[in-house]
Amino acid sequence: MNKYAQKLNRMLKVSGLSQEDLARRLDVSFPTLNSWVNSKSEPREKSRVQIDQLFVEFFGADSITKEELSVTKKIALSKKVSIKKILENLNLLDKITINLTYHTNTIEGSTMTERDVKAVLLENKIIKNRTAIEQREAINHQTAMNFLLDELNEKGKKFKIDKNLIINTHLRLMNGIISDAGNFRNHSVRIVGSKVPLANFIKIPSLIEKWCNKINEETADPINLLATTHGDFEQIHPFSDGNGRTGRLLLFIKALHFGLVPPIIQKERKQAYYKYLEVFQTEESPDLLEKFISEEIINSSNLLD
């Protein structure tokens, strides 16, 4: 198997995309992509560049220049939306709800399709070939998201993320799924395959208090604050389960608090997302994670147009 066949097969496996989907992403026909995947032919130079770029998008870059970061952040900061606009535009709210719910739950292993999520949340259907837990996860995510939207809308500029908001978000998100929903973990945990040390459970209350102080600070660099607080929250890992989904909801609502289009982290970029989180958490270097958050704000803006 040649180099590009290996890359394409790895992208198909990790992203969950079909060959038809990947062919569209690369702007080629299905027979052409299928031929590349099976090493029956090799892509030409232009297509090789596209494959290499998409591979980095899915699996992450190893470095970034300050100029690249600055340009990407500047574009992301131009993508504005208000809580008022979202709540007054039902179509926009539905788009955000479906996309955020679908991508965040798929990152955590849900097998529901985007169409399944729409059927459950907007059409009140029960999907026979999906588990009850997966459907409960979707419903709960919508409930938790709406809770945060209502809080931001009600409090406006006075909105703050505190311990009670975090606990109430987790309670709504994991209600009926885990027995300790809405409670900080009282035991040690580790993430399989990760070398990141997670917080000692005894220290979680004080760490969360410090984290809340940080995320509520005034800042001239909102992208940096979004990236670093998200990375910190995932390393604190305050709950027994649901930390990723809770963290992404808090990232979502804080971006909206800044008046920015909220980043919807796409399932296809799961590996890049985990890589950049780990780089930040182990090397204390936020640049790659900042660029990733910026890119997802831009992607979300395109998605929601």
C-alpha atoms as a PDB file:
ATOM      1  CA  MET A   1       0.000   0.000   0.000  1.00  0.00           C
ATOM      2  CA  ASN A   2       1.511   3.341  -1.037  1.00  0.00           C
ATOM      3  CA  LYS A   3       1.848   6.412   1.194  1.00  0.00           C
ATOM      4  CA  TYR A   4      -1.331   8.128  -0.010  1.00  0.00           C
ATOM      5  CA  ALA A   5      -3.425   4.985   0.143  1.00  0.00           C
ATOM      6  CA  GLN A   6      -2.315   4.633   3.778  1.00  0.00           C
ATOM      7  CA  LYS A   7      -3.250   8.249   4.544  1.00  0.00           C
ATOM      8  CA  LEU A   8      -6.646   7.923   2.886  1.00  0.00           C
ATOM      9  CA  ASN A   9      -7.457   4.671   4.664  1.00  0.00           C
ATOM     10  CA  ARG A  10      -6.454   6.164   7.995  1.00  0.00           C
ATOM     11  CA  MET A  11      -8.644   9.221   7.379  1.00  0.00           C
ATOM     12  CA  LEU A  12     -11.607   7.020   6.474  1.00  0.00           C
ATOM     13  CA  LYS A  13     -11.160   4.919   9.606  1.00  0.00           C
ATOM     14  CA  VAL A  14     -10.757   7.769  12.067  1.00  0.00           C
ATOM     15  CA  SER A  15     -13.164  10.343  10.617  1.00  0.00           C
ATOM     16  CA  GLY A  16     -16.112   8.034  10.062  1.00  0.00           C
ATOM     17  CA  LEU A  17     -16.550   9.511   6.597  1.00  0.00           C
ATOM     18  CA  SER A  18     -17.648   7.273   3.742  1.00  0.00           C
ATOM     19  CA  GLN A  19     -15.588   7.093   0.579  1.00  0.00           C
ATOM     20  CA  GLU A  20     -18.284   9.197  -1.107  1.00  0.00           C
ATOM     21  CA  ASP A  21     -17.947  11.860   1.618  1.00  0.00           C
ATOM     22  CA  LEU A  22     -14.163  11.896   1.414  1.00  0.00           C
ATOM     23  CA  ALA A  23     -14.286  12.096  -2.390  1.00  0.00           C
ATOM     24  CA  ARG A  24     -16.464  15.207  -2.084  1.00  0.00           C
ATOM     25  CA  ARG A  25     -14.048  16.743   0.428  1.00  0.00           C
ATOM     26  CA  LEU A  26     -11.218  16.218  -2.065  1.00  0.00           C
ATOM     27  CA  ASP A  27     -13.335  17.290  -5.059  1.00  0.00           C
ATOM     28  CA  VAL A  28     -12.837  14.036  -6.978  1.00  0.00           C
ATOM     29  CA  SER A  29     -15.157  11.283  -8.175  1.00  0.00           C
ATOM     30  CA  PHE A  30     -15.911   8.190  -6.105  1.00  0.00           C
ATOM     31  CA  PRO A  31     -14.196   5.834  -8.639  1.00  0.00           C
ATOM     32  CA  THR A  32     -11.039   7.984  -8.486  1.00  0.00           C
ATOM     33  CA  LEU A  33     -10.918   7.945  -4.700  1.00  0.00           C
ATOM     34  CA  ASN A  34     -11.683   4.230  -4.582  1.00  0.00           C
ATOM     35  CA  SER A  35      -8.791   3.596  -6.947  1.00  0.00           C
ATOM     36  CA  TRP A  36      -6.440   5.580  -4.692  1.00  0.00           C
ATOM     37  CA  VAL A  37      -7.683   3.863  -1.535  1.00  0.00           C
ATOM     38  CA  ASN A  38      -7.040   0.434  -3.029  1.00  0.00           C
ATOM     39  CA  SER A  39      -3.620   1.405  -4.471  1.00  0.00           C
ATOM     40  CA  LYS A  40      -4.793   0.841  -8.034  1.00  0.00           C
ATOM     41  CA  SER A  41      -3.577   4.322  -8.951  1.00  0.00           C
ATOM     42  CA  GLU A  42      -1.843   7.261  -7.276  1.00  0.00           C
ATOM     43  CA  PRO A  43      -3.040  10.856  -6.978  1.00  0.00           C
ATOM     44  CA  ARG A  44      -1.381  13.562  -8.999  1.00  0.00           C
ATOM     45  CA  GLU A  45       0.518  16.435  -7.409  1.00  0.00           C
ATOM     46  CA  LYS A  46      -2.476  18.763  -6.913  1.00  0.00           C
ATOM     47  CA  SER A  47      -4.489  16.018  -5.242  1.00  0.00           C
ATOM     48  CA  ARG A  48      -1.521  15.001  -3.099  1.00  0.00           C
ATOM     49  CA  VAL A  49      -1.373  18.527  -1.698  1.00  0.00           C
ATOM     50  CA  GLN A  50      -5.114  18.397  -0.913  1.00  0.00           C
ATOM     51  CA  ILE A  51      -4.743  15.002   0.779  1.00  0.00           C
ATOM     52  CA  ASP A  52      -1.801  16.237   2.858  1.00  0.00           C
ATOM     53  CA  GLN A  53      -3.761  19.326   3.945  1.00  0.00           C
ATOM     54  CA  LEU A  54      -6.814  17.301   4.905  1.00  0.00           C
ATOM     55  CA  PHE A  55      -4.631  14.813   6.774  1.00  0.00           C
ATOM     56  CA  VAL A  56      -3.209  17.649   8.893  1.00  0.00           C
ATOM     57  CA  GLU A  57      -6.730  18.989   9.442  1.00  0.00           C
ATOM     58  CA  PHE A  58      -7.849  15.601  10.770  1.00  0.00           C
ATOM     59  CA  PHE A  59      -4.746  14.563  12.719  1.00  0.00           C
ATOM     60  CA  GLY A  60      -3.120  17.848  13.656  1.00  0.00           C
ATOM     61  CA  ALA A  61       0.014  19.812  12.838  1.00  0.00           C
ATOM     62  CA  ASP A  62       3.235  19.619  14.832  1.00  0.00           C
ATOM     63  CA  SER A  63       3.931  23.348  14.792  1.00  0.00           C
ATOM     64  CA  ILE A  64       2.576  26.720  13.774  1.00  0.00           C
ATOM     65  CA  THR A  65       4.120  30.122  13.085  1.00  0.00           C
ATOM     66  CA  LYS A  66       3.089  33.188  15.047  1.00  0.00           C
ATOM     67  CA  GLU A  67       1.969  34.790  11.789  1.00  0.00           C
ATOM     68  CA  GLU A  68      -0.328  31.849  10.949  1.00  0.00           C
ATOM     69  CA  LEU A  69      -1.832  31.994  14.417  1.00  0.00           C
ATOM     70  CA  SER A  70      -2.335  35.754  14.270  1.00  0.00           C
ATOM     71  CA  VAL A  71      -4.089  35.618  10.883  1.00  0.00           C
ATOM     72  CA  THR A  72      -6.390  32.753  11.919  1.00  0.00           C
ATOM     73  CA  LYS A  73      -7.325  34.426  15.206  1.00  0.00           C
ATOM     74  CA  LYS A  74      -8.090  37.693  13.431  1.00  0.00           C
ATOM     75  CA  ILE A  75     -10.507  35.939  11.067  1.00  0.00           C
ATOM     76  CA  ALA A  76     -12.154  34.062  13.955  1.00  0.00           C
ATOM     77  CA  LEU A  77     -12.636  37.283  15.925  1.00  0.00           C
ATOM     78  CA  SER A  78     -14.553  38.746  12.984  1.00  0.00           C
ATOM     79  CA  LYS A  79     -17.187  35.966  13.211  1.00  0.00           C
ATOM     80  CA  LYS A  80     -19.801  37.565  15.422  1.00  0.00           C
ATOM     81  CA  VAL A  81     -23.234  36.465  16.626  1.00  0.00           C
ATOM     82  CA  SER A  82     -25.434  37.544  19.520  1.00  0.00           C
ATOM     83  CA  ILE A  83     -27.488  35.450  21.892  1.00  0.00           C
ATOM     84  CA  LYS A  84     -30.497  37.549  20.832  1.00  0.00           C
ATOM     85  CA  LYS A  85     -30.036  36.629  17.173  1.00  0.00           C
ATOM     86  CA  ILE A  86     -29.834  32.928  17.997  1.00  0.00           C
ATOM     87  CA  LEU A  87     -32.922  32.895  20.202  1.00  0.00           C
ATOM     88  CA  GLU A  88     -34.969  34.940  17.725  1.00  0.00           C
ATOM     89  CA  ASN A  89     -34.007  32.799  14.729  1.00  0.00           C
ATOM     90  CA  LEU A  90     -35.486  29.324  15.199  1.00  0.00           C
ATOM     91  CA  ASN A  91     -33.747  27.918  12.115  1.00  0.00           C
ATOM     92  CA  LEU A  92     -30.370  29.113  13.381  1.00  0.00           C
ATOM     93  CA  LEU A  93     -31.041  27.715  16.862  1.00  0.00           C
ATOM     94  CA  ASP A  94     -32.042  24.358  15.376  1.00  0.00           C
ATOM     95  CA  LYS A  95     -28.878  24.257  13.231  1.00  0.00           C
ATOM     96  CA  ILE A  96     -26.681  24.952  16.244  1.00  0.00           C
ATOM     97  CA  THR A  97     -28.547  22.437  18.405  1.00  0.00           C
ATOM     98  CA  ILE A  98     -28.342  19.606  15.867  1.00  0.00           C
ATOM     99  CA  ASN A  99     -24.727  20.203  14.851  1.00  0.00           C
ATOM    100  CA  LEU A 100     -23.355  20.718  18.345  1.00  0.00           C
ATOM    101  CA  THR A 101     -25.248  17.724  19.739  1.00  0.00           C
ATOM    102  CA  TYR A 102     -24.309  15.448  16.846  1.00  0.00           C
ATOM    103  CA  HIS A 103     -20.608  16.279  16.786  1.00  0.00           C
ATOM    104  CA  THR A 104     -19.989  16.383  20.549  1.00  0.00           C
ATOM    105  CA  ASN A 105     -21.757  13.070  21.195  1.00  0.00           C
ATOM    106  CA  THR A 106     -20.108  11.378  18.211  1.00  0.00           C
ATOM    107  CA  ILE A 107     -16.707  12.406  19.583  1.00  0.00           C
ATOM    108  CA  GLU A 108     -17.676  10.455  22.723  1.00  0.00           C
ATOM    109  CA  GLY A 109     -18.711   7.352  20.768  1.00  0.00           C
ATOM    110  CA  SER A 110     -22.377   7.835  19.845  1.00  0.00           C
ATOM    111  CA  THR A 111     -23.397   6.014  16.658  1.00  0.00           C
ATOM    112  CA  MET A 112     -26.338   8.316  15.951  1.00  0.00           C
ATOM    113  CA  THR A 113     -26.281  10.088  12.602  1.00  0.00           C
ATOM    114  CA  GLU A 114     -27.054  13.764  12.151  1.00  0.00           C
ATOM    115  CA  ARG A 115     -30.434  12.722  10.747  1.00  0.00           C
ATOM    116  CA  ASP A 116     -31.073  10.587  13.858  1.00  0.00           C
ATOM    117  CA  VAL A 117     -30.298  13.535  16.125  1.00  0.00           C
ATOM    118  CA  LYS A 118     -32.664  15.772  14.176  1.00  0.00           C
ATOM    119  CA  ALA A 119     -35.438  13.161  14.346  1.00  0.00           C
ATOM    120  CA  VAL A 120     -35.061  12.737  18.116  1.00  0.00           C
ATOM    121  CA  LEU A 121     -34.710  16.409  19.030  1.00  0.00           C
ATOM    122  CA  LEU A 122     -36.933  18.196  16.532  1.00  0.00           C
ATOM    123  CA  GLU A 123     -39.463  15.531  15.573  1.00  0.00           C
ATOM    124  CA  ASN A 124     -39.752  13.713  18.942  1.00  0.00           C
ATOM    125  CA  LYS A 125     -39.151  10.354  17.295  1.00  0.00           C
ATOM    126  CA  ILE A 126     -37.748   7.175  18.836  1.00  0.00           C
ATOM    127  CA  ILE A 127     -35.046   5.615  16.650  1.00  0.00           C
ATOM    128  CA  LYS A 128     -35.410   1.839  16.718  1.00  0.00           C
ATOM    129  CA  ASN A 129     -31.849   0.976  15.686  1.00  0.00           C
ATOM    130  CA  ARG A 130     -30.144   3.282  18.223  1.00  0.00           C
ATOM    131  CA  THR A 131     -29.774   2.639  21.937  1.00  0.00           C
ATOM    132  CA  ALA A 132     -31.938   4.344  24.518  1.00  0.00           C
ATOM    133  CA  ILE A 133     -28.783   5.767  26.145  1.00  0.00           C
ATOM    134  CA  GLU A 134     -27.640   7.396  22.899  1.00  0.00           C
ATOM    135  CA  GLN A 135     -31.038   9.008  22.444  1.00  0.00           C
ATOM    136  CA  ARG A 136     -31.078  10.129  26.076  1.00  0.00           C
ATOM    137  CA  GLU A 137     -27.616  11.668  25.559  1.00  0.00           C
ATOM    138  CA  ALA A 138     -28.963  13.722  22.656  1.00  0.00           C
ATOM    139  CA  ILE A 139     -32.034  14.917  24.576  1.00  0.00           C
ATOM    140  CA  ASN A 140     -29.949  15.738  27.643  1.00  0.00           C
ATOM    141  CA  HIS A 141     -27.438  17.684  25.583  1.00  0.00           C
ATOM    142  CA  GLN A 142     -30.194  19.847  24.147  1.00  0.00           C
ATOM    143  CA  THR A 143     -31.560  20.421  27.667  1.00  0.00           C
ATOM    144  CA  ALA A 144     -28.139  21.442  29.013  1.00  0.00           C
ATOM    145  CA  MET A 145     -27.491  23.712  26.038  1.00  0.00           C
ATOM    146  CA  ASN A 146     -30.860  25.436  26.421  1.00  0.00           C
ATOM    147  CA  PHE A 147     -30.188  25.912  30.131  1.00  0.00           C
ATOM    148  CA  LEU A 148     -26.947  27.743  29.326  1.00  0.00           C
ATOM    149  CA  LEU A 149     -28.566  29.834  26.595  1.00  0.00           C
ATOM    150  CA  ASP A 150     -31.326  30.893  28.986  1.00  0.00           C
ATOM    151  CA  GLU A 151     -28.766  31.799  31.669  1.00  0.00           C
ATOM    152  CA  LEU A 152     -26.750  33.940  29.251  1.00  0.00           C
ATOM    153  CA  ASN A 153     -29.848  35.582  27.832  1.00  0.00           C
ATOM    154  CA  GLU A 154     -31.224  36.401  31.278  1.00  0.00           C
ATOM    155  CA  LYS A 155     -27.996  37.727  32.803  1.00  0.00           C
ATOM    156  CA  GLY A 156     -26.404  39.367  29.766  1.00  0.00           C
ATOM    157  CA  LYS A 157     -23.201  41.197  30.651  1.00  0.00           C
ATOM    158  CA  LYS A 158     -23.509  39.988  34.250  1.00  0.00           C
ATOM    159  CA  PHE A 159     -23.275  36.353  33.114  1.00  0.00           C
ATOM    160  CA  LYS A 160     -20.575  34.384  34.909  1.00  0.00           C
ATOM    161  CA  ILE A 161     -19.540  30.761  34.940  1.00  0.00           C
ATOM    162  CA  ASP A 162     -19.417  29.531  38.525  1.00  0.00           C
ATOM    163  CA  LYS A 163     -19.434  26.183  40.325  1.00  0.00           C
ATOM    164  CA  ASN A 164     -23.230  26.033  40.465  1.00  0.00           C
ATOM    165  CA  LEU A 165     -23.553  26.678  36.731  1.00  0.00           C
ATOM    166  CA  ILE A 166     -21.042  23.907  35.982  1.00  0.00           C
ATOM    167  CA  ILE A 167     -22.790  21.443  38.293  1.00  0.00           C
ATOM    168  CA  ASN A 168     -26.231  22.281  36.914  1.00  0.00           C
ATOM    169  CA  THR A 169     -24.968  21.875  33.355  1.00  0.00           C
ATOM    170  CA  HIS A 170     -23.500  18.457  34.156  1.00  0.00           C
ATOM    171  CA  LEU A 171     -26.658  17.413  36.018  1.00  0.00           C
ATOM    172  CA  ARG A 172     -28.814  18.144  32.984  1.00  0.00           C
ATOM    173  CA  LEU A 173     -26.298  16.587  30.605  1.00  0.00           C
ATOM    174  CA  MET A 174     -25.831  13.296  32.458  1.00  0.00           C
ATOM    175  CA  ASN A 175     -29.197  12.906  34.208  1.00  0.00           C
ATOM    176  CA  GLY A 176     -30.392   9.311  33.906  1.00  0.00           C
ATOM    177  CA  ILE A 177     -27.065   8.245  32.376  1.00  0.00           C
ATOM    178  CA  ILE A 178     -24.751   8.111  35.395  1.00  0.00           C
ATOM    179  CA  SER A 179     -25.693   7.855  39.071  1.00  0.00           C
ATOM    180  CA  ASP A 180     -23.508  10.772  40.215  1.00  0.00           C
ATOM    181  CA  ALA A 181     -24.693  13.377  37.708  1.00  0.00           C
ATOM    182  CA  GLY A 182     -24.098  16.865  39.086  1.00  0.00           C
ATOM    183  CA  ASN A 183     -21.472  15.731  41.592  1.00  0.00           C
ATOM    184  CA  PHE A 184     -17.714  16.079  41.438  1.00  0.00           C
ATOM    185  CA  ARG A 185     -15.890  12.761  41.288  1.00  0.00           C
ATOM    186  CA  ASN A 186     -14.613  11.271  44.559  1.00  0.00           C
ATOM    187  CA  HIS A 187     -12.056   8.911  43.058  1.00  0.00           C
ATOM    188  CA  SER A 188      -9.045   8.911  40.766  1.00  0.00           C
ATOM    189  CA  VAL A 189      -9.438   8.549  36.999  1.00  0.00           C
ATOM    190  CA  ARG A 190      -7.189   8.405  33.975  1.00  0.00           C
ATOM    191  CA  ILE A 191      -7.711   8.735  30.245  1.00  0.00           C
ATOM    192  CA  VAL A 192      -6.711   5.574  28.409  1.00  0.00           C
ATOM    193  CA  GLY A 193      -3.912   6.253  25.945  1.00  0.00           C
ATOM    194  CA  SER A 194      -3.148   9.711  27.332  1.00  0.00           C
ATOM    195  CA  LYS A 195      -0.043  10.741  29.250  1.00  0.00           C
ATOM    196  CA  VAL A 196      -1.775  13.777  30.766  1.00  0.00           C
ATOM    197  CA  PRO A 197      -1.950  13.667  34.590  1.00  0.00           C
ATOM    198  CA  LEU A 198      -5.453  14.494  35.797  1.00  0.00           C
ATOM    199  CA  ALA A 199      -6.269  16.388  38.962  1.00  0.00           C
ATOM    200  CA  ASN A 200      -6.371  14.707  42.352  1.00  0.00           C
ATOM    201  CA  PHE A 201     -10.067  14.452  43.213  1.00  0.00           C
ATOM    202  CA  ILE A 202      -9.461  16.020  46.644  1.00  0.00           C
ATOM    203  CA  LYS A 203      -8.323  19.230  44.943  1.00  0.00           C
ATOM    204  CA  ILE A 204     -11.216  19.508  42.486  1.00  0.00           C
ATOM    205  CA  PRO A 205     -13.341  22.065  44.442  1.00  0.00           C
ATOM    206  CA  SER A 206     -10.420  24.486  44.856  1.00  0.00           C
ATOM    207  CA  LEU A 207      -9.227  23.956  41.267  1.00  0.00           C
ATOM    208  CA  ILE A 208     -12.702  24.661  39.918  1.00  0.00           C
ATOM    209  CA  GLU A 209     -12.887  27.841  42.005  1.00  0.00           C
ATOM    210  CA  LYS A 210      -9.586  29.044  40.508  1.00  0.00           C
ATOM    211  CA  TRP A 211     -10.757  28.006  37.043  1.00  0.00           C
ATOM    212  CA  CYS A 212     -13.955  30.041  37.408  1.00  0.00           C
ATOM    213  CA  ASN A 213     -11.942  33.084  38.469  1.00  0.00           C
ATOM    214  CA  LYS A 214      -9.822  32.716  35.340  1.00  0.00           C
ATOM    215  CA  ILE A 215     -12.645  32.249  32.834  1.00  0.00           C
ATOM    216  CA  ASN A 216     -14.525  35.245  34.245  1.00  0.00           C
ATOM    217  CA  GLU A 217     -11.523  37.592  33.939  1.00  0.00           C
ATOM    218  CA  GLU A 218     -11.571  40.571  31.604  1.00  0.00           C
ATOM    219  CA  THR A 219      -9.369  39.846  28.608  1.00  0.00           C
ATOM    220  CA  ALA A 220      -8.097  41.464  25.442  1.00  0.00           C
ATOM    221  CA  ASP A 221      -7.450  38.018  23.955  1.00  0.00           C
ATOM    222  CA  PRO A 222     -10.682  35.983  24.073  1.00  0.00           C
ATOM    223  CA  ILE A 223      -9.340  33.175  21.853  1.00  0.00           C
ATOM    224  CA  ASN A 224      -6.481  32.569  24.255  1.00  0.00           C
ATOM    225  CA  LEU A 225      -8.889  32.525  27.196  1.00  0.00           C
ATOM    226  CA  LEU A 226     -11.237  30.101  25.428  1.00  0.00           C
ATOM    227  CA  ALA A 227      -8.390  27.735  24.517  1.00  0.00           C
ATOM    228  CA  THR A 228      -6.529  27.759  27.827  1.00  0.00           C
ATOM    229  CA  THR A 229      -9.608  27.438  30.046  1.00  0.00           C
ATOM    230  CA  HIS A 230     -10.917  24.597  27.903  1.00  0.00           C
ATOM    231  CA  GLY A 231      -7.604  22.787  28.166  1.00  0.00           C
ATOM    232  CA  ASP A 232      -7.473  23.398  31.913  1.00  0.00           C
ATOM    233  CA  PHE A 233     -11.039  22.170  32.465  1.00  0.00           C
ATOM    234  CA  GLU A 234     -10.375  18.904  30.649  1.00  0.00           C
ATOM    235  CA  GLN A 235      -7.260  18.335  32.746  1.00  0.00           C
ATOM    236  CA  ILE A 236      -9.121  19.004  35.996  1.00  0.00           C
ATOM    237  CA  HIS A 237     -11.642  16.422  34.757  1.00  0.00           C
ATOM    238  CA  PRO A 238     -14.024  17.183  37.634  1.00  0.00           C
ATOM    239  CA  PHE A 239     -16.654  14.505  36.950  1.00  0.00           C
ATOM    240  CA  SER A 240     -16.621  10.730  36.702  1.00  0.00           C
ATOM    241  CA  ASP A 241     -17.976  10.977  33.140  1.00  0.00           C
ATOM    242  CA  GLY A 242     -19.210  13.658  30.746  1.00  0.00           C
ATOM    243  CA  ASN A 243     -16.198  15.960  31.110  1.00  0.00           C
ATOM    244  CA  GLY A 244     -15.646  16.390  27.379  1.00  0.00           C
ATOM    245  CA  ARG A 245     -19.266  17.248  26.649  1.00  0.00           C
ATOM    246  CA  THR A 246     -19.500  19.566  29.662  1.00  0.00           C
ATOM    247  CA  GLY A 247     -16.262  21.295  28.715  1.00  0.00           C
ATOM    248  CA  ARG A 248     -17.384  21.824  25.130  1.00  0.00           C
ATOM    249  CA  LEU A 249     -20.710  23.279  26.313  1.00  0.00           C
ATOM    250  CA  LEU A 250     -18.865  25.725  28.580  1.00  0.00           C
ATOM    251  CA  LEU A 251     -16.591  26.616  25.660  1.00  0.00           C
ATOM    252  CA  PHE A 252     -19.710  27.148  23.534  1.00  0.00           C
ATOM    253  CA  ILE A 253     -21.441  29.466  26.003  1.00  0.00           C
ATOM    254  CA  LYS A 254     -18.303  31.465  26.818  1.00  0.00           C
ATOM    255  CA  ALA A 255     -17.686  32.114  23.121  1.00  0.00           C
ATOM    256  CA  LEU A 256     -21.278  33.382  22.859  1.00  0.00           C
ATOM    257  CA  HIS A 257     -20.688  35.540  25.924  1.00  0.00           C
ATOM    258  CA  PHE A 258     -17.835  37.148  23.952  1.00  0.00           C
ATOM    259  CA  GLY A 259     -20.239  37.660  21.035  1.00  0.00           C
ATOM    260  CA  LEU A 260     -18.372  35.122  18.893  1.00  0.00           C
ATOM    261  CA  VAL A 261     -19.794  32.333  16.757  1.00  0.00           C
ATOM    262  CA  PRO A 262     -19.407  29.319  19.074  1.00  0.00           C
ATOM    263  CA  PRO A 263     -16.873  26.689  17.977  1.00  0.00           C
ATOM    264  CA  ILE A 264     -18.512  23.373  17.097  1.00  0.00           C
ATOM    265  CA  ILE A 265     -15.674  20.851  17.271  1.00  0.00           C
ATOM    266  CA  GLN A 266     -16.251  18.500  14.377  1.00  0.00           C
ATOM    267  CA  LYS A 267     -16.081  14.751  14.816  1.00  0.00           C
ATOM    268  CA  GLU A 268     -13.695  14.439  11.847  1.00  0.00           C
ATOM    269  CA  ARG A 269     -11.137  16.510  13.768  1.00  0.00           C
ATOM    270  CA  LYS A 270     -11.290  14.458  16.954  1.00  0.00           C
ATOM    271  CA  GLN A 271      -7.668  13.288  16.694  1.00  0.00           C
ATOM    272  CA  ALA A 272      -6.352  16.807  16.053  1.00  0.00           C
ATOM    273  CA  TYR A 273      -8.451  18.084  18.975  1.00  0.00           C
ATOM    274  CA  TYR A 274      -7.039  15.502  21.375  1.00  0.00           C
ATOM    275  CA  LYS A 275      -3.512  16.114  20.119  1.00  0.00           C
ATOM    276  CA  TYR A 276      -3.705  19.872  20.669  1.00  0.00           C
ATOM    277  CA  LEU A 277      -5.257  19.451  24.109  1.00  0.00           C
ATOM    278  CA  GLU A 278      -2.408  17.154  25.115  1.00  0.00           C
ATOM    279  CA  VAL A 279       0.257  19.521  23.749  1.00  0.00           C
ATOM    280  CA  PHE A 280      -1.219  22.352  25.805  1.00  0.00           C
ATOM    281  CA  GLN A 281      -1.627  20.244  28.940  1.00  0.00           C
ATOM    282  CA  THR A 282       1.861  18.719  28.864  1.00  0.00           C
ATOM    283  CA  GLU A 283       3.923  21.529  27.347  1.00  0.00           C
ATOM    284  CA  GLU A 284       1.889  24.564  28.477  1.00  0.00           C
ATOM    285  CA  SER A 285       1.997  25.860  24.905  1.00  0.00           C
ATOM    286  CA  PRO A 286      -1.429  27.165  23.809  1.00  0.00           C
ATOM    287  CA  ASP A 287      -0.646  28.176  20.206  1.00  0.00           C
ATOM    288  CA  LEU A 288      -1.869  25.019  18.450  1.00  0.00           C
ATOM    289  CA  LEU A 289      -5.005  24.827  20.590  1.00  0.00           C
ATOM    290  CA  GLU A 290      -5.709  28.526  19.980  1.00  0.00           C
ATOM    291  CA  LYS A 291      -5.420  28.004  16.226  1.00  0.00           C
ATOM    292  CA  PHE A 292      -7.694  24.965  16.436  1.00  0.00           C
ATOM    293  CA  ILE A 293     -10.373  26.863  18.388  1.00  0.00           C
ATOM    294  CA  SER A 294     -10.088  29.724  15.884  1.00  0.00           C
ATOM    295  CA  GLU A 295     -10.491  27.322  12.957  1.00  0.00           C
ATOM    296  CA  GLU A 296     -13.569  25.759  14.523  1.00  0.00           C
ATOM    297  CA  ILE A 297     -15.133  29.193  15.035  1.00  0.00           C
ATOM    298  CA  ILE A 298     -14.557  29.875  11.334  1.00  0.00           C
ATOM    299  CA  ASN A 299     -15.875  26.422  10.355  1.00  0.00           C
ATOM    300  CA  SER A 300     -18.952  26.941  12.530  1.00  0.00           C
ATOM    301  CA  SER A 301     -19.618  30.297  10.904  1.00  0.00           C
ATOM    302  CA  ASN A 302     -19.543  28.637   7.467  1.00  0.00           C
ATOM    303  CA  LEU A 303     -21.680  25.762   8.708  1.00  0.00           C
ATOM    304  CA  LEU A 304     -24.361  28.022  10.134  1.00  0.00           C
ATOM    305  CA  ASP A 305     -24.619  30.425   7.171  1.00  0.00           C
END
